[in-house]
Amino acid sequence: MKSLKNIKKTILSNEWATLHRIDYDYQFKNGNWKRLSRETYNRGNGTAILLFNPDKGTVILTKQFRMPAYENDKNDGMSIEACAGAIDNNDNALETIIRETEEEVGYKITNAKQVLSAYTSPGALTEKMYLFVAEYSDAMKINEGGGLDSEDEEIEVIELPFKQVIEMVKNEEIIDAKTIMLVQYAQINKLID
């Protein structure tokens, strides 16, 4: 980008993820250069999946406590979401979501279709989400899911009629962006009647 120069990164925190302050010069359309500063939170990229069963008309979702949502609004602490996870090490998005599906919801899938990729908060987060869909059946259930103790996860697995999930999006019981995008993808593409 010709309108960007003199980028300087300063680490503000390097705990669970890395918080940077990035100072840079940016040229506006009027030709003027201005020194700007933004904070960016880098926790890597992530994946999410909507598991759907067209025969039963159901989807698998998760429910878990989310401190940032709770901090913003005490009523939003328990979040209903699509199964998701951070891409670790040298894994790719598909490998990650197959592993996360087994860990979080207890279903063994061998493949999934990537349908979207998106930044959910590009003004603050570097995270790009890779969004998948996959069919599931009861025969694919190999354990109870719930997440990993080593990752301090306590995840409730919920199977819901897709029509109910659409209503939950409408009445804001589901307010997670990645989940809403996947539900709308399934609805637009008529994955479930």
N, C-alpha and C. Protein backbone atom coordinates (compact mmCIF):
# COMPACT_ATOMS: atom_id res chain seq x y z
N MET A 1 0.85 -1.18 0.00
CA MET A 1 0.00 0.00 0.00
C MET A 1 0.89 1.24 0.00
N LYS A 2 0.71 2.07 -1.01
CA LYS A 2 1.51 3.29 -1.12
C LYS A 2 1.11 4.34 -0.09
N SER A 3 -0.07 4.21 0.49
CA SER A 3 -0.55 5.21 1.44
C SER A 3 -0.20 4.86 2.89
N LEU A 4 0.73 3.93 3.08
CA LEU A 4 1.09 3.46 4.41
C LEU A 4 2.60 3.37 4.53
N LYS A 5 3.17 3.95 5.61
CA LYS A 5 4.62 3.87 5.80
C LYS A 5 4.98 4.06 7.27
N ASN A 6 6.24 3.80 7.59
CA ASN A 6 6.79 4.01 8.94
C ASN A 6 6.00 3.25 10.02
N ILE A 7 5.80 1.97 9.79
CA ILE A 7 5.04 1.13 10.73
C ILE A 7 5.95 0.71 11.88
N LYS A 8 5.48 0.96 13.11
CA LYS A 8 6.23 0.58 14.30
C LYS A 8 5.28 -0.17 15.25
N LYS A 9 5.68 -1.40 15.63
CA LYS A 9 4.87 -2.21 16.54
C LYS A 9 5.48 -2.21 17.93
N THR A 10 4.62 -2.07 18.94
CA THR A 10 5.03 -2.17 20.33
C THR A 10 4.13 -3.20 21.01
N ILE A 11 4.73 -4.19 21.66
CA ILE A 11 3.94 -5.19 22.37
C ILE A 11 3.45 -4.59 23.69
N LEU A 12 2.13 -4.59 23.88
CA LEU A 12 1.53 -4.10 25.12
C LEU A 12 1.25 -5.24 26.09
N SER A 13 0.93 -6.42 25.55
CA SER A 13 0.66 -7.60 26.36
C SER A 13 0.92 -8.83 25.51
N ASN A 14 1.46 -9.87 26.15
CA ASN A 14 1.74 -11.10 25.41
C ASN A 14 1.38 -12.29 26.30
N GLU A 15 0.11 -12.36 26.66
CA GLU A 15 -0.37 -13.43 27.53
C GLU A 15 -1.04 -14.50 26.67
N TRP A 16 -2.37 -14.57 26.72
CA TRP A 16 -3.12 -15.56 25.94
C TRP A 16 -2.96 -15.31 24.45
N ALA A 17 -2.86 -14.05 24.09
CA ALA A 17 -2.60 -13.63 22.72
C ALA A 17 -1.73 -12.37 22.82
N THR A 18 -1.46 -11.73 21.69
CA THR A 18 -0.57 -10.58 21.71
C THR A 18 -1.33 -9.30 21.37
N LEU A 19 -1.22 -8.34 22.26
CA LEU A 19 -1.81 -7.03 22.03
C LEU A 19 -0.68 -6.09 21.61
N HIS A 20 -0.80 -5.54 20.40
CA HIS A 20 0.18 -4.58 19.88
C HIS A 20 -0.42 -3.19 19.81
N ARG A 21 0.41 -2.19 20.00
CA ARG A 21 0.09 -0.84 19.56
C ARG A 21 0.90 -0.66 18.29
N ILE A 22 0.21 -0.29 17.22
CA ILE A 22 0.88 -0.10 15.95
C ILE A 22 0.76 1.38 15.58
N ASP A 23 1.90 2.03 15.46
CA ASP A 23 1.97 3.43 15.04
C ASP A 23 2.37 3.43 13.57
N TYR A 24 1.73 4.28 12.78
CA TYR A 24 2.01 4.30 11.35
C TYR A 24 1.61 5.63 10.74
N ASP A 25 2.20 5.91 9.59
CA ASP A 25 1.82 7.09 8.82
C ASP A 25 0.86 6.64 7.73
N TYR A 26 -0.24 7.38 7.60
CA TYR A 26 -1.27 7.04 6.61
C TYR A 26 -1.58 8.28 5.78
N GLN A 27 -1.61 8.08 4.46
CA GLN A 27 -1.93 9.20 3.56
C GLN A 27 -3.41 9.15 3.20
N PHE A 28 -4.10 10.23 3.50
CA PHE A 28 -5.53 10.32 3.20
C PHE A 28 -5.73 10.72 1.74
N LYS A 29 -6.96 10.60 1.27
CA LYS A 29 -7.27 10.89 -0.14
C LYS A 29 -6.93 12.32 -0.53
N ASN A 30 -6.95 13.24 0.43
CA ASN A 30 -6.63 14.64 0.11
C ASN A 30 -5.12 14.87 -0.01
N GLY A 31 -4.32 13.80 0.16
CA GLY A 31 -2.88 13.88 0.02
C GLY A 31 -2.13 14.10 1.31
N ASN A 32 -2.82 14.45 2.38
CA ASN A 32 -2.18 14.72 3.67
C ASN A 32 -1.78 13.41 4.37
N TRP A 33 -0.57 13.42 4.96
CA TRP A 33 -0.10 12.31 5.77
C TRP A 33 -0.40 12.61 7.24
N LYS A 34 -0.79 11.56 7.97
CA LYS A 34 -1.05 11.74 9.40
C LYS A 34 -0.50 10.53 10.15
N ARG A 35 0.10 10.77 11.31
CA ARG A 35 0.60 9.70 12.17
C ARG A 35 -0.58 9.19 12.99
N LEU A 36 -0.85 7.87 12.88
CA LEU A 36 -1.96 7.24 13.58
C LEU A 36 -1.45 6.14 14.49
N SER A 37 -2.28 5.76 15.44
CA SER A 37 -1.94 4.68 16.36
C SER A 37 -3.19 3.83 16.60
N ARG A 38 -3.03 2.53 16.48
CA ARG A 38 -4.14 1.59 16.71
C ARG A 38 -3.63 0.43 17.55
N GLU A 39 -4.51 -0.14 18.35
CA GLU A 39 -4.20 -1.37 19.06
C GLU A 39 -4.81 -2.53 18.28
N THR A 40 -4.04 -3.60 18.14
CA THR A 40 -4.53 -4.80 17.47
C THR A 40 -4.28 -6.00 18.36
N TYR A 41 -5.25 -6.86 18.41
CA TYR A 41 -5.17 -8.06 19.23
C TYR A 41 -4.97 -9.25 18.30
N ASN A 42 -3.83 -9.95 18.44
CA ASN A 42 -3.51 -11.06 17.56
C ASN A 42 -3.58 -12.36 18.34
N ARG A 43 -4.59 -13.15 18.06
CA ARG A 43 -4.72 -14.47 18.70
C ARG A 43 -4.68 -15.57 17.66
N GLY A 44 -4.23 -15.24 16.45
CA GLY A 44 -4.20 -16.22 15.38
C GLY A 44 -5.54 -16.29 14.68
N ASN A 45 -5.68 -17.23 13.78
CA ASN A 45 -6.92 -17.41 13.03
C ASN A 45 -7.74 -18.52 13.65
N GLY A 46 -9.00 -18.61 13.24
CA GLY A 46 -9.89 -19.60 13.83
C GLY A 46 -10.79 -20.26 12.81
N THR A 47 -11.49 -21.26 13.30
CA THR A 47 -12.44 -22.01 12.48
C THR A 47 -13.75 -22.17 13.23
N ALA A 48 -14.81 -22.39 12.49
CA ALA A 48 -16.10 -22.71 13.09
C ALA A 48 -16.86 -23.59 12.10
N ILE A 49 -17.80 -24.37 12.64
CA ILE A 49 -18.55 -25.28 11.79
C ILE A 49 -20.00 -25.35 12.24
N LEU A 50 -20.89 -25.38 11.27
CA LEU A 50 -22.30 -25.67 11.54
C LEU A 50 -22.53 -27.11 11.11
N LEU A 51 -22.74 -27.98 12.10
CA LEU A 51 -23.10 -29.37 11.83
C LEU A 51 -24.61 -29.43 11.66
N PHE A 52 -25.05 -30.03 10.55
CA PHE A 52 -26.48 -30.07 10.28
C PHE A 52 -26.91 -31.48 9.87
N ASN A 53 -28.14 -31.82 10.24
CA ASN A 53 -28.72 -33.11 9.88
C ASN A 53 -30.00 -32.82 9.09
N PRO A 54 -29.94 -32.95 7.76
CA PRO A 54 -31.12 -32.61 6.95
C PRO A 54 -32.30 -33.55 7.20
N ASP A 55 -32.05 -34.80 7.57
CA ASP A 55 -33.14 -35.74 7.82
C ASP A 55 -33.92 -35.38 9.09
N LYS A 56 -33.20 -34.99 10.13
CA LYS A 56 -33.84 -34.62 11.39
C LYS A 56 -34.22 -33.14 11.44
N GLY A 57 -33.62 -32.33 10.54
CA GLY A 57 -33.88 -30.88 10.56
C GLY A 57 -33.22 -30.19 11.75
N THR A 58 -32.06 -30.71 12.18
CA THR A 58 -31.41 -30.20 13.38
C THR A 58 -29.98 -29.73 13.10
N VAL A 59 -29.45 -28.97 14.05
CA VAL A 59 -28.05 -28.55 14.03
C VAL A 59 -27.46 -28.77 15.42
N ILE A 60 -26.14 -28.88 15.47
CA ILE A 60 -25.42 -29.01 16.73
C ILE A 60 -24.76 -27.67 17.03
N LEU A 61 -25.03 -27.15 18.23
CA LEU A 61 -24.40 -25.91 18.69
C LEU A 61 -23.77 -26.15 20.05
N THR A 62 -23.08 -25.15 20.55
CA THR A 62 -22.46 -25.24 21.87
C THR A 62 -22.96 -24.08 22.72
N LYS A 63 -22.84 -24.26 24.02
CA LYS A 63 -23.15 -23.18 24.96
C LYS A 63 -22.02 -23.15 25.97
N GLN A 64 -21.43 -21.96 26.14
CA GLN A 64 -20.32 -21.83 27.08
C GLN A 64 -20.18 -20.39 27.56
N PHE A 65 -19.50 -20.24 28.69
CA PHE A 65 -19.27 -18.92 29.26
C PHE A 65 -18.20 -18.19 28.47
N ARG A 66 -18.45 -16.90 28.17
CA ARG A 66 -17.50 -16.05 27.46
C ARG A 66 -17.30 -14.77 28.26
N MET A 67 -16.13 -14.63 28.88
CA MET A 67 -15.86 -13.48 29.73
C MET A 67 -15.96 -12.14 28.99
N PRO A 68 -15.41 -11.98 27.78
CA PRO A 68 -15.54 -10.68 27.12
C PRO A 68 -17.00 -10.27 26.90
N ALA A 69 -17.86 -11.22 26.52
CA ALA A 69 -19.27 -10.89 26.34
C ALA A 69 -19.90 -10.51 27.68
N TYR A 70 -19.56 -11.26 28.73
CA TYR A 70 -20.06 -10.97 30.07
C TYR A 70 -19.61 -9.58 30.53
N GLU A 71 -18.36 -9.25 30.25
CA GLU A 71 -17.81 -7.95 30.64
C GLU A 71 -18.59 -6.82 29.97
N ASN A 72 -19.00 -7.04 28.72
CA ASN A 72 -19.75 -6.03 27.98
C ASN A 72 -21.19 -5.92 28.47
N ASP A 73 -21.83 -7.07 28.72
CA ASP A 73 -23.22 -7.11 29.16
C ASP A 73 -23.40 -8.39 29.99
N LYS A 74 -23.67 -8.25 31.25
CA LYS A 74 -23.76 -9.40 32.16
C LYS A 74 -24.76 -10.45 31.69
N ASN A 75 -25.74 -10.06 30.89
CA ASN A 75 -26.73 -11.01 30.37
C ASN A 75 -26.20 -11.85 29.22
N ASP A 76 -25.05 -11.48 28.67
CA ASP A 76 -24.53 -12.16 27.48
C ASP A 76 -23.41 -13.15 27.79
N GLY A 77 -23.16 -13.45 29.05
CA GLY A 77 -22.04 -14.30 29.43
C GLY A 77 -22.10 -15.71 28.89
N MET A 78 -23.28 -16.31 28.88
CA MET A 78 -23.44 -17.66 28.33
C MET A 78 -23.78 -17.51 26.84
N SER A 79 -22.89 -17.99 26.01
CA SER A 79 -23.00 -17.78 24.57
C SER A 79 -23.34 -19.07 23.84
N ILE A 80 -24.34 -19.01 22.98
CA ILE A 80 -24.70 -20.14 22.11
C ILE A 80 -24.01 -19.91 20.78
N GLU A 81 -23.20 -20.90 20.38
CA GLU A 81 -22.34 -20.73 19.21
C GLU A 81 -22.21 -22.02 18.41
N ALA A 82 -21.74 -21.86 17.19
CA ALA A 82 -21.28 -23.00 16.41
C ALA A 82 -19.99 -23.51 17.04
N CYS A 83 -19.71 -24.78 16.89
CA CYS A 83 -18.45 -25.36 17.34
C CYS A 83 -17.32 -24.59 16.66
N ALA A 84 -16.28 -24.23 17.43
CA ALA A 84 -15.21 -23.41 16.87
C ALA A 84 -13.91 -23.65 17.62
N GLY A 85 -12.82 -23.18 17.02
CA GLY A 85 -11.53 -23.29 17.68
C GLY A 85 -10.45 -22.53 16.97
N ALA A 86 -9.39 -22.27 17.70
CA ALA A 86 -8.23 -21.56 17.15
C ALA A 86 -7.36 -22.52 16.35
N ILE A 87 -6.81 -22.02 15.26
CA ILE A 87 -5.88 -22.81 14.45
C ILE A 87 -4.54 -22.80 15.16
N ASP A 88 -4.07 -23.97 15.54
CA ASP A 88 -2.82 -24.11 16.29
C ASP A 88 -1.69 -24.58 15.39
N ASN A 89 -0.49 -24.23 15.80
CA ASN A 89 0.73 -24.74 15.18
C ASN A 89 0.70 -24.61 13.66
N ASN A 90 0.96 -25.71 12.99
CA ASN A 90 0.98 -25.69 11.52
C ASN A 90 -0.26 -26.33 10.92
N ASP A 91 -1.31 -26.52 11.73
CA ASP A 91 -2.54 -27.10 11.22
C ASP A 91 -3.18 -26.17 10.20
N ASN A 92 -3.97 -26.74 9.31
CA ASN A 92 -4.77 -25.89 8.44
C ASN A 92 -6.19 -25.82 9.02
N ALA A 93 -7.02 -25.01 8.41
CA ALA A 93 -8.36 -24.77 8.95
C ALA A 93 -9.20 -26.05 8.98
N LEU A 94 -9.13 -26.87 7.94
CA LEU A 94 -9.91 -28.11 7.90
C LEU A 94 -9.47 -29.08 8.99
N GLU A 95 -8.17 -29.28 9.14
CA GLU A 95 -7.66 -30.16 10.20
C GLU A 95 -8.13 -29.68 11.56
N THR A 96 -8.09 -28.38 11.76
CA THR A 96 -8.49 -27.80 13.04
C THR A 96 -9.95 -28.06 13.32
N ILE A 97 -10.82 -27.82 12.35
CA ILE A 97 -12.25 -27.95 12.63
C ILE A 97 -12.65 -29.41 12.80
N ILE A 98 -11.98 -30.32 12.13
CA ILE A 98 -12.25 -31.75 12.35
C ILE A 98 -11.89 -32.12 13.78
N ARG A 99 -10.74 -31.67 14.27
CA ARG A 99 -10.31 -31.94 15.64
C ARG A 99 -11.24 -31.28 16.66
N GLU A 100 -11.57 -30.01 16.43
CA GLU A 100 -12.43 -29.29 17.36
C GLU A 100 -13.83 -29.90 17.44
N THR A 101 -14.33 -30.41 16.33
CA THR A 101 -15.65 -31.05 16.32
C THR A 101 -15.68 -32.24 17.26
N GLU A 102 -14.64 -33.04 17.23
CA GLU A 102 -14.56 -34.20 18.12
C GLU A 102 -14.40 -33.76 19.58
N GLU A 103 -13.51 -32.79 19.83
CA GLU A 103 -13.25 -32.34 21.20
C GLU A 103 -14.45 -31.64 21.82
N GLU A 104 -15.07 -30.75 21.07
CA GLU A 104 -16.11 -29.90 21.64
C GLU A 104 -17.49 -30.54 21.65
N VAL A 105 -17.86 -31.23 20.57
CA VAL A 105 -19.23 -31.75 20.49
C VAL A 105 -19.31 -33.27 20.39
N GLY A 106 -18.16 -33.95 20.25
CA GLY A 106 -18.15 -35.41 20.30
C GLY A 106 -18.52 -36.12 19.02
N TYR A 107 -18.50 -35.44 17.90
CA TYR A 107 -18.82 -36.07 16.62
C TYR A 107 -17.55 -36.25 15.81
N LYS A 108 -17.42 -37.42 15.18
CA LYS A 108 -16.27 -37.73 14.34
C LYS A 108 -16.67 -37.47 12.89
N ILE A 109 -16.12 -36.37 12.34
CA ILE A 109 -16.35 -36.09 10.93
C ILE A 109 -15.02 -36.30 10.21
N THR A 110 -15.10 -36.63 8.94
CA THR A 110 -13.88 -36.84 8.17
C THR A 110 -13.66 -35.73 7.15
N ASN A 111 -14.68 -34.93 6.92
CA ASN A 111 -14.55 -33.85 5.96
C ASN A 111 -15.59 -32.77 6.26
N ALA A 112 -15.34 -31.59 5.75
CA ALA A 112 -16.27 -30.46 5.90
C ALA A 112 -16.04 -29.54 4.71
N LYS A 113 -17.05 -28.74 4.42
CA LYS A 113 -16.97 -27.82 3.29
C LYS A 113 -16.77 -26.39 3.81
N GLN A 114 -15.67 -25.75 3.39
CA GLN A 114 -15.49 -24.35 3.75
C GLN A 114 -16.41 -23.51 2.88
N VAL A 115 -17.23 -22.66 3.53
CA VAL A 115 -18.23 -21.88 2.79
C VAL A 115 -17.99 -20.37 2.88
N LEU A 116 -17.26 -19.92 3.88
CA LEU A 116 -16.99 -18.50 4.06
C LEU A 116 -15.66 -18.32 4.79
N SER A 117 -15.08 -17.15 4.64
CA SER A 117 -14.02 -16.71 5.53
C SER A 117 -14.27 -15.23 5.79
N ALA A 118 -14.01 -14.81 7.01
CA ALA A 118 -14.36 -13.43 7.37
C ALA A 118 -13.60 -12.97 8.59
N TYR A 119 -13.38 -11.66 8.64
CA TYR A 119 -12.91 -11.01 9.86
C TYR A 119 -14.16 -10.58 10.62
N THR A 120 -14.26 -10.95 11.89
CA THR A 120 -15.46 -10.60 12.64
C THR A 120 -15.36 -9.24 13.32
N SER A 121 -14.15 -8.75 13.51
CA SER A 121 -13.95 -7.43 14.11
C SER A 121 -12.64 -6.84 13.60
N PRO A 122 -12.58 -6.48 12.29
CA PRO A 122 -11.32 -6.07 11.68
C PRO A 122 -10.74 -4.76 12.21
N GLY A 123 -11.50 -4.02 12.98
CA GLY A 123 -10.97 -2.79 13.57
C GLY A 123 -10.10 -3.04 14.79
N ALA A 124 -10.14 -4.27 15.33
CA ALA A 124 -9.38 -4.56 16.55
C ALA A 124 -8.67 -5.91 16.53
N LEU A 125 -9.25 -6.90 15.85
CA LEU A 125 -8.70 -8.26 15.87
C LEU A 125 -8.04 -8.61 14.55
N THR A 126 -6.91 -9.32 14.62
CA THR A 126 -6.28 -9.81 13.39
C THR A 126 -6.92 -11.13 12.94
N GLU A 127 -7.71 -11.76 13.80
CA GLU A 127 -8.27 -13.09 13.54
C GLU A 127 -9.17 -13.13 12.31
N LYS A 128 -8.86 -14.09 11.43
CA LYS A 128 -9.71 -14.40 10.29
C LYS A 128 -10.35 -15.75 10.58
N MET A 129 -11.66 -15.82 10.45
CA MET A 129 -12.40 -17.05 10.72
C MET A 129 -12.68 -17.78 9.41
N TYR A 130 -12.43 -19.10 9.42
CA TYR A 130 -12.74 -19.97 8.30
C TYR A 130 -13.97 -20.78 8.70
N LEU A 131 -15.06 -20.61 7.96
CA LEU A 131 -16.35 -21.15 8.35
C LEU A 131 -16.73 -22.34 7.47
N PHE A 132 -17.15 -23.41 8.13
CA PHE A 132 -17.44 -24.68 7.48
C PHE A 132 -18.86 -25.14 7.77
N VAL A 133 -19.34 -26.05 6.94
CA VAL A 133 -20.56 -26.80 7.20
C VAL A 133 -20.26 -28.27 6.96
N ALA A 134 -20.99 -29.14 7.64
CA ALA A 134 -20.86 -30.58 7.42
C ALA A 134 -22.13 -31.27 7.93
N GLU A 135 -22.53 -32.30 7.22
CA GLU A 135 -23.65 -33.11 7.68
C GLU A 135 -23.17 -34.01 8.82
N TYR A 136 -24.09 -34.30 9.74
CA TYR A 136 -23.79 -35.25 10.80
C TYR A 136 -24.95 -36.22 10.93
N SER A 137 -24.66 -37.35 11.54
CA SER A 137 -25.70 -38.33 11.87
C SER A 137 -25.44 -38.82 13.30
N ASP A 138 -26.43 -39.44 13.89
CA ASP A 138 -26.27 -39.96 15.25
C ASP A 138 -25.15 -40.98 15.32
N ALA A 139 -24.92 -41.73 14.24
CA ALA A 139 -23.88 -42.76 14.20
C ALA A 139 -22.48 -42.16 14.31
N MET A 140 -22.33 -40.86 14.04
CA MET A 140 -21.02 -40.21 14.09
C MET A 140 -20.65 -39.76 15.50
N LYS A 141 -21.57 -39.90 16.45
CA LYS A 141 -21.32 -39.48 17.84
C LYS A 141 -20.40 -40.51 18.50
N ILE A 142 -19.19 -40.07 18.91
CA ILE A 142 -18.23 -41.00 19.50
C ILE A 142 -17.94 -40.71 20.97
N ASN A 143 -18.29 -39.51 21.43
CA ASN A 143 -18.13 -39.19 22.85
C ASN A 143 -19.08 -38.04 23.19
N GLU A 144 -19.06 -37.61 24.44
CA GLU A 144 -19.98 -36.58 24.89
C GLU A 144 -19.53 -35.16 24.56
N GLY A 145 -18.29 -35.00 24.08
CA GLY A 145 -17.80 -33.66 23.78
C GLY A 145 -17.59 -32.90 25.07
N GLY A 146 -17.74 -31.60 25.01
CA GLY A 146 -17.59 -30.77 26.20
C GLY A 146 -16.28 -30.01 26.28
N GLY A 147 -15.37 -30.28 25.35
CA GLY A 147 -14.09 -29.57 25.37
C GLY A 147 -13.03 -30.31 26.15
N LEU A 148 -11.89 -29.68 26.28
CA LEU A 148 -10.75 -30.28 26.97
C LEU A 148 -10.51 -29.62 28.32
N ASP A 149 -10.32 -30.45 29.34
CA ASP A 149 -9.97 -29.93 30.66
C ASP A 149 -8.68 -29.13 30.60
N SER A 150 -7.72 -29.60 29.79
CA SER A 150 -6.42 -28.93 29.70
C SER A 150 -6.54 -27.52 29.12
N GLU A 151 -7.64 -27.24 28.42
CA GLU A 151 -7.88 -25.90 27.88
C GLU A 151 -8.94 -25.15 28.68
N ASP A 152 -9.26 -25.69 29.87
CA ASP A 152 -10.26 -25.08 30.77
C ASP A 152 -11.59 -24.84 30.06
N GLU A 153 -11.99 -25.82 29.25
CA GLU A 153 -13.26 -25.70 28.53
C GLU A 153 -14.37 -26.43 29.29
N GLU A 154 -15.53 -25.83 29.32
CA GLU A 154 -16.73 -26.46 29.87
C GLU A 154 -17.85 -26.11 28.90
N ILE A 155 -18.05 -26.99 27.95
CA ILE A 155 -18.95 -26.72 26.83
C ILE A 155 -20.16 -27.63 26.89
N GLU A 156 -21.33 -27.03 26.83
CA GLU A 156 -22.57 -27.80 26.75
C GLU A 156 -22.89 -28.00 25.27
N VAL A 157 -23.16 -29.24 24.89
CA VAL A 157 -23.51 -29.57 23.50
C VAL A 157 -25.03 -29.56 23.40
N ILE A 158 -25.54 -28.82 22.42
CA ILE A 158 -26.99 -28.76 22.24
C ILE A 158 -27.37 -29.07 20.80
N GLU A 159 -28.35 -29.92 20.65
CA GLU A 159 -28.92 -30.24 19.34
C GLU A 159 -30.30 -29.60 19.28
N LEU A 160 -30.49 -28.76 18.28
CA LEU A 160 -31.73 -28.00 18.19
C LEU A 160 -32.33 -28.08 16.79
N PRO A 161 -33.66 -28.00 16.71
CA PRO A 161 -34.28 -27.89 15.39
C PRO A 161 -33.80 -26.60 14.71
N PHE A 162 -33.48 -26.69 13.43
CA PHE A 162 -32.96 -25.53 12.70
C PHE A 162 -33.96 -24.37 12.73
N LYS A 163 -35.24 -24.66 12.64
CA LYS A 163 -36.24 -23.59 12.67
C LYS A 163 -36.19 -22.83 14.00
N GLN A 164 -35.93 -23.53 15.08
CA GLN A 164 -35.80 -22.88 16.39
C GLN A 164 -34.54 -22.00 16.41
N VAL A 165 -33.46 -22.48 15.81
CA VAL A 165 -32.21 -21.72 15.77
C VAL A 165 -32.41 -20.41 15.00
N ILE A 166 -33.14 -20.47 13.90
CA ILE A 166 -33.44 -19.24 13.13
C ILE A 166 -34.18 -18.24 14.02
N GLU A 167 -35.14 -18.72 14.80
CA GLU A 167 -35.86 -17.85 15.72
C GLU A 167 -34.95 -17.30 16.81
N MET A 168 -34.00 -18.12 17.26
CA MET A 168 -33.06 -17.68 18.30
C MET A 168 -32.15 -16.58 17.78
N VAL A 169 -31.84 -16.61 16.48
CA VAL A 169 -31.08 -15.51 15.88
C VAL A 169 -31.95 -14.26 15.83
N LYS A 170 -33.19 -14.43 15.40
CA LYS A 170 -34.11 -13.29 15.29
C LYS A 170 -34.35 -12.61 16.63
N ASN A 171 -34.52 -13.40 17.70
CA ASN A 171 -34.82 -12.80 19.00
C ASN A 171 -33.57 -12.56 19.85
N GLU A 172 -32.41 -12.68 19.23
CA GLU A 172 -31.11 -12.35 19.83
C GLU A 172 -30.73 -13.24 21.01
N GLU A 173 -31.21 -14.49 21.00
CA GLU A 173 -30.67 -15.49 21.93
C GLU A 173 -29.31 -15.95 21.42
N ILE A 174 -29.13 -15.95 20.11
CA ILE A 174 -27.84 -16.22 19.48
C ILE A 174 -27.33 -14.89 18.95
N ILE A 175 -26.18 -14.44 19.51
CA ILE A 175 -25.64 -13.14 19.10
C ILE A 175 -24.17 -13.23 18.70
N ASP A 176 -23.70 -14.45 18.45
CA ASP A 176 -22.33 -14.68 18.02
C ASP A 176 -22.26 -14.55 16.50
N ALA A 177 -21.38 -13.67 16.00
CA ALA A 177 -21.34 -13.34 14.57
C ALA A 177 -21.06 -14.55 13.68
N LYS A 178 -20.08 -15.38 14.04
CA LYS A 178 -19.74 -16.51 13.19
C LYS A 178 -20.92 -17.49 13.09
N THR A 179 -21.63 -17.65 14.19
CA THR A 179 -22.79 -18.55 14.20
C THR A 179 -23.91 -17.99 13.36
N ILE A 180 -24.17 -16.70 13.48
CA ILE A 180 -25.20 -16.06 12.67
C ILE A 180 -24.88 -16.19 11.19
N MET A 181 -23.62 -15.99 10.81
CA MET A 181 -23.24 -16.13 9.40
C MET A 181 -23.47 -17.55 8.90
N LEU A 182 -23.13 -18.54 9.72
CA LEU A 182 -23.32 -19.93 9.30
C LEU A 182 -24.80 -20.29 9.24
N VAL A 183 -25.59 -19.83 10.18
CA VAL A 183 -27.03 -20.09 10.15
C VAL A 183 -27.64 -19.45 8.91
N GLN A 184 -27.26 -18.23 8.61
CA GLN A 184 -27.80 -17.57 7.42
C GLN A 184 -27.33 -18.25 6.14
N TYR A 185 -26.09 -18.73 6.12
CA TYR A 185 -25.61 -19.49 4.96
C TYR A 185 -26.48 -20.73 4.76
N ALA A 186 -26.73 -21.47 5.84
CA ALA A 186 -27.55 -22.68 5.75
C ALA A 186 -28.98 -22.34 5.28
N GLN A 187 -29.49 -21.24 5.76
CA GLN A 187 -30.84 -20.82 5.40
C GLN A 187 -30.90 -20.41 3.91
N ILE A 188 -29.97 -19.58 3.48
CA ILE A 188 -29.93 -19.11 2.09
C ILE A 188 -29.75 -20.27 1.12
N ASN A 189 -28.88 -21.22 1.49
CA ASN A 189 -28.57 -22.34 0.61
C ASN A 189 -29.46 -23.55 0.84
N LYS A 190 -30.48 -23.38 1.68
CA LYS A 190 -31.48 -24.42 1.93
C LYS A 190 -30.85 -25.78 2.28
N LEU A 191 -29.88 -25.75 3.21
CA LEU A 191 -29.24 -27.00 3.64
C LEU A 191 -30.19 -27.87 4.45
N ILE A 192 -31.15 -27.21 5.11
CA ILE A 192 -32.12 -27.91 5.96
C ILE A 192 -33.50 -27.36 5.65
N ASP A 193 -34.46 -28.25 5.48
CA ASP A 193 -35.86 -27.80 5.23
C ASP A 193 -36.57 -27.51 6.53
